[in-house]
C-alpha atoms as a PDB file:
ATOM      1  CA  MET A   1     -66.251  78.188   4.214  1.00  0.00           C
ATOM      2  CA  ILE A   2     -69.534  78.172   4.248  1.00  0.00           C
ATOM      3  CA  LEU A   3     -71.218  74.933   3.428  1.00  0.00           C
ATOM      4  CA  ASN A   4     -74.128  76.541   2.021  1.00  0.00           C
ATOM      5  CA  ASP A   5     -71.939  77.399  -0.943  1.00  0.00           C
ATOM      6  CA  VAL A   6     -69.913  74.689  -1.772  1.00  0.00           C
ATOM      7  CA  HIS A   7     -72.539  73.561  -4.076  1.00  0.00           C
ATOM      8  CA  GLN A   8     -74.333  76.488  -5.053  1.00  0.00           C
ATOM      9  CA  GLY A   9     -74.824  76.599  -8.794  1.00  0.00           C
ATOM     10  CA  ILE A  10     -74.563  72.753  -9.072  1.00  0.00           C
ATOM     11  CA  HIS A  11     -77.649  71.311 -10.814  1.00  0.00           C
ATOM     12  CA  LYS A  12     -77.448  67.254 -11.040  1.00  0.00           C
ATOM     13  CA  HIS A  13     -80.939  68.180 -13.556  1.00  0.00           C
ATOM     14  CA  LYS A  14     -79.965  70.876 -15.721  1.00  0.00           C
ATOM     15  CA  LYS A  15     -83.251  71.504 -16.989  1.00  0.00           C
ATOM     16  CA  ARG A  16     -83.663  72.188 -20.888  1.00  0.00           C
ATOM     17  CA  LYS A  17     -83.328  75.854 -22.179  1.00  0.00           C
ATOM     18  CA  ARG A  18     -87.035  76.766 -23.554  1.00  0.00           C
ATOM     19  CA  ILE A  19     -86.604  79.362 -26.285  1.00  0.00           C
ATOM     20  CA  GLY A  20     -89.470  81.460 -28.083  1.00  0.00           C
ATOM     21  CA  ARG A  21     -91.306  81.886 -24.806  1.00  0.00           C
ATOM     22  CA  GLY A  22     -92.194  84.959 -24.580  1.00  0.00           C
ATOM     23  CA  THR A  23     -90.051  87.883 -22.319  1.00  0.00           C
ATOM     24  CA  GLY A  24     -91.019  86.245 -19.407  1.00  0.00           C
ATOM     25  CA  SER A  25     -89.913  83.229 -20.387  1.00  0.00           C
ATOM     26  CA  GLY A  26     -86.139  84.474 -19.210  1.00  0.00           C
ATOM     27  CA  HIS A  27     -84.903  84.243 -23.169  1.00  0.00           C
ATOM     28  CA  GLY A  28     -87.268  86.941 -23.933  1.00  0.00           C
ATOM     29  CA  LYS A  29     -87.593  89.637 -28.129  1.00  0.00           C
ATOM     30  CA  THR A  30     -84.683  87.648 -28.850  1.00  0.00           C
ATOM     31  CA  SER A  31     -84.075  84.180 -27.629  1.00  0.00           C
ATOM     32  CA  GLY A  32     -80.400  84.172 -26.637  1.00  0.00           C
ATOM     33  CA  ARG A  33     -79.666  85.413 -30.553  1.00  0.00           C
ATOM     34  CA  GLY A  34     -78.594  88.959 -29.384  1.00  0.00           C
ATOM     35  CA  HIS A  35     -79.069  91.361 -31.764  1.00  0.00           C
ATOM     36  CA  LYS A  36     -78.863  91.699 -36.044  1.00  0.00           C
ATOM     37  CA  GLY A  37     -76.266  89.591 -37.045  1.00  0.00           C
ATOM     38  CA  TYR A  38     -75.532  86.513 -39.181  1.00  0.00           C
ATOM     39  CA  PHE A  39     -76.614  84.406 -36.503  1.00  0.00           C
ATOM     40  CA  SER A  40     -79.870  86.249 -35.190  1.00  0.00           C
ATOM     41  CA  ARG A  41     -81.161  84.645 -38.215  1.00  0.00           C
ATOM     42  CA  SER A  42     -83.085  81.606 -39.731  1.00  0.00           C
ATOM     43  CA  GLY A  43     -80.907  78.935 -41.228  1.00  0.00           C
ATOM     44  CA  SER A  44     -77.955  80.257 -39.496  1.00  0.00           C
ATOM     45  CA  LYS A  45     -75.163  77.563 -38.710  1.00  0.00           C
ATOM     46  CA  ARG A  46     -71.361  77.414 -38.124  1.00  0.00           C
ATOM     47  CA  ARG A  47     -69.666  75.204 -40.987  1.00  0.00           C
ATOM     48  CA  THR A  48     -67.876  71.866 -39.666  1.00  0.00           C
ATOM     49  CA  GLY A  49     -64.698  72.708 -38.855  1.00  0.00           C
ATOM     50  CA  PHE A  50     -65.306  76.461 -38.598  1.00  0.00           C
ATOM     51  CA  GLU A  51     -62.502  78.784 -36.782  1.00  0.00           C
ATOM     52  CA  GLY A  52     -63.585  82.116 -36.796  1.00  0.00           C
ATOM     53  CA  GLY A  53     -61.238  83.179 -40.090  1.00  0.00           C
ATOM     54  CA  GLN A  54     -58.396  81.628 -38.521  1.00  0.00           C
ATOM     55  CA  MET A  55     -56.808  78.943 -41.528  1.00  0.00           C
ATOM     56  CA  PRO A  56     -58.923  75.863 -39.795  1.00  0.00           C
ATOM     57  CA  LEU A  57     -56.871  73.139 -38.946  1.00  0.00           C
ATOM     58  CA  MET A  58     -57.737  70.736 -41.951  1.00  0.00           C
ATOM     59  CA  ARG A  59     -56.524  73.861 -44.505  1.00  0.00           C
ATOM     60  CA  ARG A  60     -53.238  73.870 -42.506  1.00  0.00           C
ATOM     61  CA  ILE A  61     -51.771  70.469 -41.872  1.00  0.00           C
ATOM     62  CA  ALA A  62     -49.249  69.172 -44.629  1.00  0.00           C
ATOM     63  CA  LYS A  63     -51.256  66.872 -46.981  1.00  0.00           C
ATOM     64  CA  SER A  64     -50.314  62.813 -47.834  1.00  0.00           C
ATOM     65  CA  GLY A  65     -49.719  62.430 -51.335  1.00  0.00           C
ATOM     66  CA  PHE A  66     -51.642  60.143 -54.411  1.00  0.00           C
ATOM     67  CA  SER A  67     -50.852  56.997 -54.031  1.00  0.00           C
ATOM     68  CA  ASN A  68     -50.577  53.760 -56.824  1.00  0.00           C
ATOM     69  CA  ALA A  69     -51.131  51.195 -54.642  1.00  0.00           C
ATOM     70  CA  ARG A  70     -54.912  50.606 -55.878  1.00  0.00           C
ATOM     71  CA  PHE A  71     -54.190  50.412 -59.433  1.00  0.00           C
ATOM     72  CA  THR A  72     -51.426  47.452 -59.100  1.00  0.00           C
ATOM     73  CA  THR A  73     -51.525  43.977 -60.023  1.00  0.00           C
ATOM     74  CA  GLU A  74     -51.336  41.708 -56.933  1.00  0.00           C
ATOM     75  CA  VAL A  75     -49.609  38.553 -57.721  1.00  0.00           C
ATOM     76  CA  ALA A  76     -49.711  35.683 -55.717  1.00  0.00           C
ATOM     77  CA  ILE A  77     -45.932  33.422 -55.689  1.00  0.00           C
ATOM     78  CA  VAL A  78     -46.464  29.550 -55.998  1.00  0.00           C
ATOM     79  CA  ASN A  79     -43.430  27.634 -55.604  1.00  0.00           C
ATOM     80  CA  ILE A  80     -42.254  23.924 -57.340  1.00  0.00           C
ATOM     81  CA  SER A  81     -41.978  22.831 -54.213  1.00  0.00           C
ATOM     82  CA  GLN A  82     -45.607  23.908 -53.069  1.00  0.00           C
ATOM     83  CA  LEU A  83     -46.929  22.383 -56.402  1.00  0.00           C
ATOM     84  CA  GLU A  84     -44.405  19.629 -55.580  1.00  0.00           C
ATOM     85  CA  LYS A  85     -46.382  18.501 -52.245  1.00  0.00           C
ATOM     86  CA  ALA A  86     -49.677  19.762 -53.774  1.00  0.00           C
ATOM     87  CA  PHE A  87     -50.342  17.440 -56.437  1.00  0.00           C
ATOM     88  CA  GLU A  88     -49.661  14.073 -58.343  1.00  0.00           C
ATOM     89  CA  ALA A  89     -47.774  12.371 -61.506  1.00  0.00           C
ATOM     90  CA  GLY A  90     -50.343  13.825 -63.968  1.00  0.00           C
ATOM     91  CA  ASP A  91     -52.425  16.226 -62.821  1.00  0.00           C
ATOM     92  CA  THR A  92     -53.160  19.793 -63.854  1.00  0.00           C
ATOM     93  CA  VAL A  93     -52.591  22.784 -61.771  1.00  0.00           C
ATOM     94  CA  SER A  94     -54.572  26.030 -62.401  1.00  0.00           C
ATOM     95  CA  PRO A  95     -55.416  28.617 -60.771  1.00  0.00           C
ATOM     96  CA  GLU A  96     -58.889  26.883 -59.110  1.00  0.00           C
ATOM     97  CA  THR A  97     -57.151  23.881 -58.095  1.00  0.00           C
ATOM     98  CA  LEU A  98     -54.485  25.591 -56.326  1.00  0.00           C
ATOM     99  CA  LYS A  99     -57.346  27.209 -54.276  1.00  0.00           C
ATOM    100  CA  GLU A 100     -59.585  23.833 -53.889  1.00  0.00           C
ATOM    101  CA  LYS A 101     -55.781  22.550 -52.443  1.00  0.00           C
ATOM    102  CA  GLY A 102     -55.447  25.574 -49.844  1.00  0.00           C
ATOM    103  CA  VAL A 103     -52.359  26.561 -51.751  1.00  0.00           C
ATOM    104  CA  LEU A 104     -53.562  29.453 -52.497  1.00  0.00           C
ATOM    105  CA  ARG A 105     -55.821  32.196 -50.364  1.00  0.00           C
ATOM    106  CA  GLY A 106     -57.465  35.487 -50.652  1.00  0.00           C
ATOM    107  CA  ARG A 107     -57.490  37.956 -53.446  1.00  0.00           C
ATOM    108  CA  TYR A 108     -55.071  38.696 -56.526  1.00  0.00           C
ATOM    109  CA  SER A 109     -54.579  38.731 -59.625  1.00  0.00           C
ATOM    110  CA  VAL A 110     -51.929  36.910 -61.136  1.00  0.00           C
ATOM    111  CA  LEU A 111     -50.542  33.797 -60.538  1.00  0.00           C
ATOM    112  CA  LYS A 112     -46.659  33.812 -60.438  1.00  0.00           C
ATOM    113  CA  VAL A 113     -44.957  30.170 -60.465  1.00  0.00           C
ATOM    114  CA  LEU A 114     -41.563  30.362 -59.093  1.00  0.00           C
ATOM    115  CA  GLY A 115     -38.672  28.247 -59.606  1.00  0.00           C
ATOM    116  CA  LYS A 116     -37.661  26.945 -55.513  1.00  0.00           C
ATOM    117  CA  GLY A 117     -37.680  23.832 -55.245  1.00  0.00           C
ATOM    118  CA  GLU A 118     -37.734  20.601 -56.810  1.00  0.00           C
ATOM    119  CA  LEU A 119     -40.255  18.927 -59.411  1.00  0.00           C
ATOM    120  CA  SER A 120     -40.210  15.609 -59.921  1.00  0.00           C
ATOM    121  CA  LYS A 121     -43.013  14.554 -61.271  1.00  0.00           C
ATOM    122  CA  LYS A 122     -45.036  16.060 -65.100  1.00  0.00           C
ATOM    123  CA  LEU A 123     -47.679  18.438 -64.633  1.00  0.00           C
ATOM    124  CA  THR A 124     -49.867  20.220 -66.375  1.00  0.00           C
ATOM    125  CA  VAL A 125     -49.506  23.438 -64.985  1.00  0.00           C
ATOM    126  CA  GLN A 126     -51.598  26.860 -66.392  1.00  0.00           C
ATOM    127  CA  ALA A 127     -50.489  30.303 -64.843  1.00  0.00           C
ATOM    128  CA  HIS A 128     -50.425  33.566 -65.911  1.00  0.00           C
ATOM    129  CA  ARG A 129     -46.525  34.161 -65.138  1.00  0.00           C
ATOM    130  CA  PHE A 130     -43.781  31.804 -64.615  1.00  0.00           C
ATOM    131  CA  SER A 131     -39.837  32.886 -63.875  1.00  0.00           C
ATOM    132  CA  LYS A 132     -37.411  31.051 -66.272  1.00  0.00           C
ATOM    133  CA  SER A 133     -36.524  28.413 -64.085  1.00  0.00           C
ATOM    134  CA  ALA A 134     -39.935  27.206 -63.484  1.00  0.00           C
ATOM    135  CA  GLU A 135     -40.852  26.714 -66.817  1.00  0.00           C
ATOM    136  CA  GLU A 136     -37.554  25.111 -67.664  1.00  0.00           C
ATOM    137  CA  GLN A 137     -37.828  22.662 -64.344  1.00  0.00           C
ATOM    138  CA  ILE A 138     -41.541  21.754 -65.663  1.00  0.00           C
ATOM    139  CA  GLN A 139     -40.822  21.407 -69.020  1.00  0.00           C
ATOM    140  CA  SER A 140     -36.926  18.699 -67.879  1.00  0.00           C
ATOM    141  CA  ALA A 141     -39.659  17.051 -65.499  1.00  0.00           C
ATOM    142  CA  GLY A 142     -41.920  16.457 -68.601  1.00  0.00           C
ATOM    143  CA  GLY A 143     -44.897  18.365 -68.234  1.00  0.00           C
ATOM    144  CA  THR A 144     -46.372  21.618 -69.851  1.00  0.00           C
ATOM    145  CA  VAL A 145     -46.722  25.264 -69.468  1.00  0.00           C
ATOM    146  CA  GLU A 146     -49.642  26.989 -70.043  1.00  0.00           C
ATOM    147  CA  LYS A 147     -50.482  30.805 -70.021  1.00  0.00           C
ATOM    148  CA  LEU A 148     -53.280  32.286 -69.352  1.00  0.00           C
ATOM    149  CA  SER A 149     -54.512  35.454 -70.096  1.00  0.00           C
END
């Protein structure tokens, strides 16, 4: 091994290729574009993902199907037991008051009241949907059920 040859051809700061500066530049005449053909012309460039005529990876991979997830109605659920804890007798329960009390968080399109737990207070409950048991419990406690559109 000759020490002079070890680092031969390795440059830390490679000079940039100056194209179109005449024949003496080392990239003369055709400026490194070769003769004729598509890539010798101006305005030529490879399309992203082009693999030389081979079927591109994006077309070889199996496609994922359509999802209806964007169009589903997001239902926020509140149980009777939560209403019992958060509200006093005679209060009106609505989506706005539920947000204020911190019972509901995040985005939803429909509010549904479920019958888990027991209700002893008289409440006016406004929601989009009610389960049968929740509706019965609210009315048996002397409260009223109002369905929102």
